[in-house]
C-alpha atoms as a PDB file:
ATOM      1  CA  UNK A   1       0.000   0.000   0.000  1.00  0.00           C
ATOM      2  CA  UNK A   2       1.434   3.449  -0.898  1.00  0.00           C
ATOM      3  CA  UNK A   3       2.542   5.779   1.886  1.00  0.00           C
ATOM      4  CA  UNK A   4       1.423   9.393   2.156  1.00  0.00           C
ATOM      5  CA  UNK A   5       4.583  10.457   0.351  1.00  0.00           C
ATOM      6  CA  UNK A   6       4.471   7.943  -2.449  1.00  0.00           C
ATOM      7  CA  UNK A   7       1.929   6.509  -4.807  1.00  0.00           C
ATOM      8  CA  UNK A   8       3.007   3.492  -6.828  1.00  0.00           C
ATOM      9  CA  UNK A   9       6.662   4.363  -6.298  1.00  0.00           C
ATOM     10  CA  UNK A  10       6.346   8.000  -7.431  1.00  0.00           C
ATOM     11  CA  UNK A  11       6.541  11.031  -5.153  1.00  0.00           C
ATOM     12  CA  UNK A  12       3.167  12.501  -4.269  1.00  0.00           C
ATOM     13  CA  UNK A  13       2.643  16.152  -5.111  1.00  0.00           C
ATOM     14  CA  UNK A  14       1.003  18.757  -2.908  1.00  0.00           C
ATOM     15  CA  UNK A  15      -2.761  18.467  -2.703  1.00  0.00           C
ATOM     16  CA  UNK A  16      -3.898  21.981  -1.805  1.00  0.00           C
ATOM     17  CA  UNK A  17      -1.942  25.201  -2.229  1.00  0.00           C
ATOM     18  CA  UNK A  18      -2.696  28.663  -0.837  1.00  0.00           C
ATOM     19  CA  UNK A  19      -1.203  31.598  -2.747  1.00  0.00           C
ATOM     20  CA  UNK A  20      -1.462  34.730  -0.620  1.00  0.00           C
ATOM     21  CA  UNK A  21      -0.830  38.241  -1.881  1.00  0.00           C
ATOM     22  CA  UNK A  22      -0.064  40.612   0.975  1.00  0.00           C
ATOM     23  CA  UNK A  23       0.625  44.306   1.224  1.00  0.00           C
ATOM     24  CA  UNK A  24      -0.832  47.767   1.605  1.00  0.00           C
ATOM     25  CA  UNK A  25      -2.007  49.349  -1.654  1.00  0.00           C
ATOM     26  CA  UNK A  26      -1.489  52.834  -0.185  1.00  0.00           C
ATOM     27  CA  UNK A  27       2.226  52.297   0.470  1.00  0.00           C
ATOM     28  CA  UNK A  28       3.829  52.295  -2.966  1.00  0.00           C
ATOM     29  CA  UNK A  29       5.627  49.053  -3.798  1.00  0.00           C
ATOM     30  CA  UNK A  30       4.170  47.341  -0.726  1.00  0.00           C
ATOM     31  CA  UNK A  31       1.210  46.553  -3.024  1.00  0.00           C
ATOM     32  CA  UNK A  32       3.372  44.107  -5.040  1.00  0.00           C
ATOM     33  CA  UNK A  33       1.809  40.990  -3.479  1.00  0.00           C
ATOM     34  CA  UNK A  34      -1.699  42.326  -4.048  1.00  0.00           C
ATOM     35  CA  UNK A  35      -0.999  42.998  -7.718  1.00  0.00           C
ATOM     36  CA  UNK A  36       0.556  39.587  -8.373  1.00  0.00           C
ATOM     37  CA  UNK A  37      -2.418  37.895  -6.665  1.00  0.00           C
ATOM     38  CA  UNK A  38      -4.789  39.946  -8.860  1.00  0.00           C
ATOM     39  CA  UNK A  39      -2.986  38.797 -12.028  1.00  0.00           C
ATOM     40  CA  UNK A  40      -2.886  35.154 -10.890  1.00  0.00           C
ATOM     41  CA  UNK A  41      -6.588  35.329 -10.004  1.00  0.00           C
ATOM     42  CA  UNK A  42      -7.334  36.046 -13.668  1.00  0.00           C
ATOM     43  CA  UNK A  43      -5.481  32.954 -14.876  1.00  0.00           C
ATOM     44  CA  UNK A  44      -6.599  29.396 -15.179  1.00  0.00           C
ATOM     45  CA  UNK A  45      -4.942  27.548 -12.311  1.00  0.00           C
ATOM     46  CA  UNK A  46      -5.509  24.021 -11.034  1.00  0.00           C
ATOM     47  CA  UNK A  47      -8.572  23.529  -8.830  1.00  0.00           C
ATOM     48  CA  UNK A  48      -6.352  22.681  -5.846  1.00  0.00           C
ATOM     49  CA  UNK A  49      -4.920  26.224  -5.841  1.00  0.00           C
ATOM     50  CA  UNK A  50      -6.537  29.096  -3.964  1.00  0.00           C
ATOM     51  CA  UNK A  51      -5.253  32.593  -4.808  1.00  0.00           C
ATOM     52  CA  UNK A  52      -6.311  35.427  -2.500  1.00  0.00           C
ATOM     53  CA  UNK A  53      -5.280  39.042  -2.066  1.00  0.00           C
ATOM     54  CA  UNK A  54      -5.158  39.321   1.726  1.00  0.00           C
ATOM     55  CA  UNK A  55      -3.914  42.892   1.660  1.00  0.00           C
ATOM     56  CA  UNK A  56      -3.330  43.792   5.325  1.00  0.00           C
ATOM     57  CA  UNK A  57      -5.865  41.327   6.768  1.00  0.00           C
ATOM     58  CA  UNK A  58      -3.597  39.424   9.154  1.00  0.00           C
ATOM     59  CA  UNK A  59      -6.323  37.452  10.903  1.00  0.00           C
ATOM     60  CA  UNK A  60      -7.839  36.311   7.612  1.00  0.00           C
ATOM     61  CA  UNK A  61      -4.458  35.052   6.403  1.00  0.00           C
ATOM     62  CA  UNK A  62      -3.737  33.278   9.694  1.00  0.00           C
ATOM     63  CA  UNK A  63      -7.076  31.472   9.626  1.00  0.00           C
ATOM     64  CA  UNK A  64      -6.616  30.579   5.946  1.00  0.00           C
ATOM     65  CA  UNK A  65      -3.231  29.016   6.722  1.00  0.00           C
ATOM     66  CA  UNK A  66      -4.958  26.993   9.455  1.00  0.00           C
ATOM     67  CA  UNK A  67      -7.140  25.344   6.762  1.00  0.00           C
ATOM     68  CA  UNK A  68      -4.529  22.603   6.357  1.00  0.00           C
ATOM     69  CA  UNK A  69      -2.924  23.447   3.025  1.00  0.00           C
ATOM     70  CA  UNK A  70      -0.055  21.298   1.793  1.00  0.00           C
ATOM     71  CA  UNK A  71       1.851  24.428   0.761  1.00  0.00           C
ATOM     72  CA  UNK A  72       1.527  28.168   1.338  1.00  0.00           C
ATOM     73  CA  UNK A  73       3.093  30.725  -0.997  1.00  0.00           C
ATOM     74  CA  UNK A  74       3.287  34.289   0.339  1.00  0.00           C
ATOM     75  CA  UNK A  75       3.844  37.134  -2.146  1.00  0.00           C
ATOM     76  CA  UNK A  76       5.205  40.326  -0.634  1.00  0.00           C
ATOM     77  CA  UNK A  77       7.545  43.277  -1.022  1.00  0.00           C
ATOM     78  CA  UNK A  78      10.776  42.123   0.572  1.00  0.00           C
ATOM     79  CA  UNK A  79      13.573  44.654   1.125  1.00  0.00           C
ATOM     80  CA  UNK A  80      16.913  42.839   1.034  1.00  0.00           C
ATOM     81  CA  UNK A  81      19.185  45.534  -0.389  1.00  0.00           C
ATOM     82  CA  UNK A  82      19.178  44.701  -4.106  1.00  0.00           C
ATOM     83  CA  UNK A  83      17.914  46.726  -7.042  1.00  0.00           C
ATOM     84  CA  UNK A  84      14.154  47.491  -7.061  1.00  0.00           C
ATOM     85  CA  UNK A  85      12.251  44.806  -8.945  1.00  0.00           C
ATOM     86  CA  UNK A  86      14.638  41.982  -7.964  1.00  0.00           C
ATOM     87  CA  UNK A  87      12.644  38.812  -7.235  1.00  0.00           C
ATOM     88  CA  UNK A  88      13.461  36.257  -4.549  1.00  0.00           C
ATOM     89  CA  UNK A  89      12.010  32.800  -4.046  1.00  0.00           C
ATOM     90  CA  UNK A  90      12.704  31.719  -0.490  1.00  0.00           C
ATOM     91  CA  UNK A  91      11.746  28.635   1.486  1.00  0.00           C
ATOM     92  CA  UNK A  92      11.995  29.609   5.156  1.00  0.00           C
ATOM     93  CA  UNK A  93      12.991  26.713   7.372  1.00  0.00           C
ATOM     94  CA  UNK A  94       9.994  26.163   9.607  1.00  0.00           C
ATOM     95  CA  UNK A  95      10.782  25.261  13.176  1.00  0.00           C
ATOM     96  CA  UNK A  96      14.281  26.740  12.988  1.00  0.00           C
ATOM     97  CA  UNK A  97      13.162  30.342  13.479  1.00  0.00           C
ATOM     98  CA  UNK A  98      12.420  31.690  16.922  1.00  0.00           C
ATOM     99  CA  UNK A  99       9.297  33.495  15.801  1.00  0.00           C
ATOM    100  CA  UNK A 100       7.886  34.018  19.253  1.00  0.00           C
ATOM    101  CA  UNK A 101      10.889  36.029  20.453  1.00  0.00           C
ATOM    102  CA  UNK A 102       9.585  39.095  18.608  1.00  0.00           C
ATOM    103  CA  UNK A 103       8.411  42.118  20.501  1.00  0.00           C
ATOM    104  CA  UNK A 104       5.370  44.274  19.948  1.00  0.00           C
ATOM    105  CA  UNK A 105       1.878  43.658  18.728  1.00  0.00           C
ATOM    106  CA  UNK A 106       1.016  40.530  16.822  1.00  0.00           C
ATOM    107  CA  UNK A 107      -1.282  42.231  14.331  1.00  0.00           C
ATOM    108  CA  UNK A 108      -1.798  45.791  13.201  1.00  0.00           C
ATOM    109  CA  UNK A 109      -4.906  47.001  11.375  1.00  0.00           C
ATOM    110  CA  UNK A 110      -2.814  49.133   8.983  1.00  0.00           C
ATOM    111  CA  UNK A 111      -0.106  46.716   7.915  1.00  0.00           C
ATOM    112  CA  UNK A 112       0.740  43.038   7.787  1.00  0.00           C
ATOM    113  CA  UNK A 113       3.844  41.402   9.153  1.00  0.00           C
ATOM    114  CA  UNK A 114       4.102  37.821   7.813  1.00  0.00           C
ATOM    115  CA  UNK A 115       6.282  36.753  10.752  1.00  0.00           C
ATOM    116  CA  UNK A 116       3.579  37.896  13.165  1.00  0.00           C
ATOM    117  CA  UNK A 117       0.949  36.027  11.141  1.00  0.00           C
ATOM    118  CA  UNK A 118       3.019  32.837  11.391  1.00  0.00           C
ATOM    119  CA  UNK A 119       3.363  33.429  15.151  1.00  0.00           C
ATOM    120  CA  UNK A 120      -0.416  33.624  15.377  1.00  0.00           C
ATOM    121  CA  UNK A 121      -0.811  30.426  13.344  1.00  0.00           C
ATOM    122  CA  UNK A 122       1.615  28.616  15.629  1.00  0.00           C
ATOM    123  CA  UNK A 123      -0.131  30.008  18.708  1.00  0.00           C
ATOM    124  CA  UNK A 124      -3.412  28.603  17.344  1.00  0.00           C
ATOM    125  CA  UNK A 125      -1.768  25.184  16.991  1.00  0.00           C
ATOM    126  CA  UNK A 126      -0.964  25.188  13.287  1.00  0.00           C
ATOM    127  CA  UNK A 127       2.037  25.378  11.030  1.00  0.00           C
ATOM    128  CA  UNK A 128       2.254  25.269   7.244  1.00  0.00           C
ATOM    129  CA  UNK A 129       3.671  22.012   5.890  1.00  0.00           C
ATOM    130  CA  UNK A 130       5.647  23.923   3.266  1.00  0.00           C
ATOM    131  CA  UNK A 131       6.098  27.663   3.134  1.00  0.00           C
ATOM    132  CA  UNK A 132       7.500  29.747   0.288  1.00  0.00           C
ATOM    133  CA  UNK A 133       7.921  33.487   0.004  1.00  0.00           C
ATOM    134  CA  UNK A 134       8.120  35.182  -3.352  1.00  0.00           C
ATOM    135  CA  UNK A 135       9.550  38.578  -2.500  1.00  0.00           C
ATOM    136  CA  UNK A 136      10.258  41.604  -4.631  1.00  0.00           C
ATOM    137  CA  UNK A 137      12.789  44.287  -3.784  1.00  0.00           C
ATOM    138  CA  UNK A 138      10.766  47.505  -3.423  1.00  0.00           C
ATOM    139  CA  UNK A 139      11.813  50.929  -4.605  1.00  0.00           C
ATOM    140  CA  UNK A 140       9.533  52.801  -2.219  1.00  0.00           C
ATOM    141  CA  UNK A 141       7.366  51.702   0.688  1.00  0.00           C
ATOM    142  CA  UNK A 142       5.574  54.917   1.476  1.00  0.00           C
ATOM    143  CA  UNK A 143       3.249  57.437  -0.068  1.00  0.00           C
ATOM    144  CA  UNK A 144       4.874  60.604   1.299  1.00  0.00           C
ATOM    145  CA  UNK A 145       5.351  61.978  -2.213  1.00  0.00           C
ATOM    146  CA  UNK A 146       1.622  61.603  -2.877  1.00  0.00           C
ATOM    147  CA  UNK A 147       2.184  58.784  -5.392  1.00  0.00           C
ATOM    148  CA  UNK A 148       0.025  55.717  -4.897  1.00  0.00           C
ATOM    149  CA  UNK A 149       0.974  52.681  -6.930  1.00  0.00           C
ATOM    150  CA  UNK A 150       3.957  50.603  -7.894  1.00  0.00           C
ATOM    151  CA  UNK A 151       7.250  51.952  -9.163  1.00  0.00           C
ATOM    152  CA  UNK A 152       8.106  51.090 -12.771  1.00  0.00           C
ATOM    153  CA  UNK A 153      10.739  48.538 -11.675  1.00  0.00           C
ATOM    154  CA  UNK A 154       8.282  46.674  -9.460  1.00  0.00           C
ATOM    155  CA  UNK A 155       5.508  46.854 -12.088  1.00  0.00           C
ATOM    156  CA  UNK A 156       7.909  45.166 -14.513  1.00  0.00           C
ATOM    157  CA  UNK A 157       8.449  42.340 -12.004  1.00  0.00           C
ATOM    158  CA  UNK A 158       4.748  41.382 -11.771  1.00  0.00           C
ATOM    159  CA  UNK A 159       4.609  39.115 -14.835  1.00  0.00           C
ATOM    160  CA  UNK A 160       7.919  37.330 -14.074  1.00  0.00           C
ATOM    161  CA  UNK A 161       6.684  36.807 -10.489  1.00  0.00           C
ATOM    162  CA  UNK A 162       3.406  35.309 -11.730  1.00  0.00           C
ATOM    163  CA  UNK A 163       5.354  32.948 -14.004  1.00  0.00           C
ATOM    164  CA  UNK A 164       7.634  31.912 -11.108  1.00  0.00           C
ATOM    165  CA  UNK A 165       4.600  31.104  -8.976  1.00  0.00           C
ATOM    166  CA  UNK A 166       2.919  29.132 -11.768  1.00  0.00           C
ATOM    167  CA  UNK A 167       6.101  27.056 -12.175  1.00  0.00           C
ATOM    168  CA  UNK A 168       6.335  26.509  -8.419  1.00  0.00           C
ATOM    169  CA  UNK A 169       2.683  25.407  -8.340  1.00  0.00           C
ATOM    170  CA  UNK A 170       3.295  22.990 -11.235  1.00  0.00           C
ATOM    171  CA  UNK A 171       6.342  21.545  -9.469  1.00  0.00           C
ATOM    172  CA  UNK A 172       4.506  21.214  -6.149  1.00  0.00           C
ATOM    173  CA  UNK A 173       1.479  19.520  -7.691  1.00  0.00           C
ATOM    174  CA  UNK A 174       3.664  17.178  -9.747  1.00  0.00           C
ATOM    175  CA  UNK A 175       5.852  16.329  -6.769  1.00  0.00           C
ATOM    176  CA  UNK A 176       8.965  17.253  -8.750  1.00  0.00           C
ATOM    177  CA  UNK A 177      10.222  19.980  -6.430  1.00  0.00           C
ATOM    178  CA  UNK A 178      13.003  18.381  -4.438  1.00  0.00           C
ATOM    179  CA  UNK A 179      14.969  21.090  -2.637  1.00  0.00           C
ATOM    180  CA  UNK A 180      14.062  24.636  -3.640  1.00  0.00           C
ATOM    181  CA  UNK A 181      16.909  27.094  -3.395  1.00  0.00           C
ATOM    182  CA  UNK A 182      16.546  30.838  -2.960  1.00  0.00           C
ATOM    183  CA  UNK A 183      16.503  32.373  -6.418  1.00  0.00           C
ATOM    184  CA  UNK A 184      17.351  35.885  -7.366  1.00  0.00           C
ATOM    185  CA  UNK A 185      16.049  37.218 -10.666  1.00  0.00           C
END
């Protein structure tokens, strides 16, 4: 009889995948995750994939993660010091991070902190089986200049990000993703 990880000698792919766009549309490039989720929501994706723009709704994202998905993909602006528009695919090592050592509030009604959301999920007794973050280096994360919307560099990264996520979904569902490595594009 096949195990949970194998079916007739072949690796089993992920069953259900949550793709979560996060960010604040009023804070410049912070809206990256929201925009990528909007684009993916217009595409034909496998039935096992749920794409949602969570915006800054921390509680909604935490409870969605608790719905027992095989994989969760977060899409967010992710400042790491590279040129604006640079994409990163990261697989955080769950259980190795000391998430609950953070200080301050767990959720904020005006922003979303993915680490705090994961703390809440763990506090509620859950943890994603697999977690991926598709991050984009922002150019600006504020609206002090009165400009609302993405910078040109981050706008140009939306389609490549959507393609990266579609490939990751295909690999997860096919069970062909062995050891994802952080990728910089």
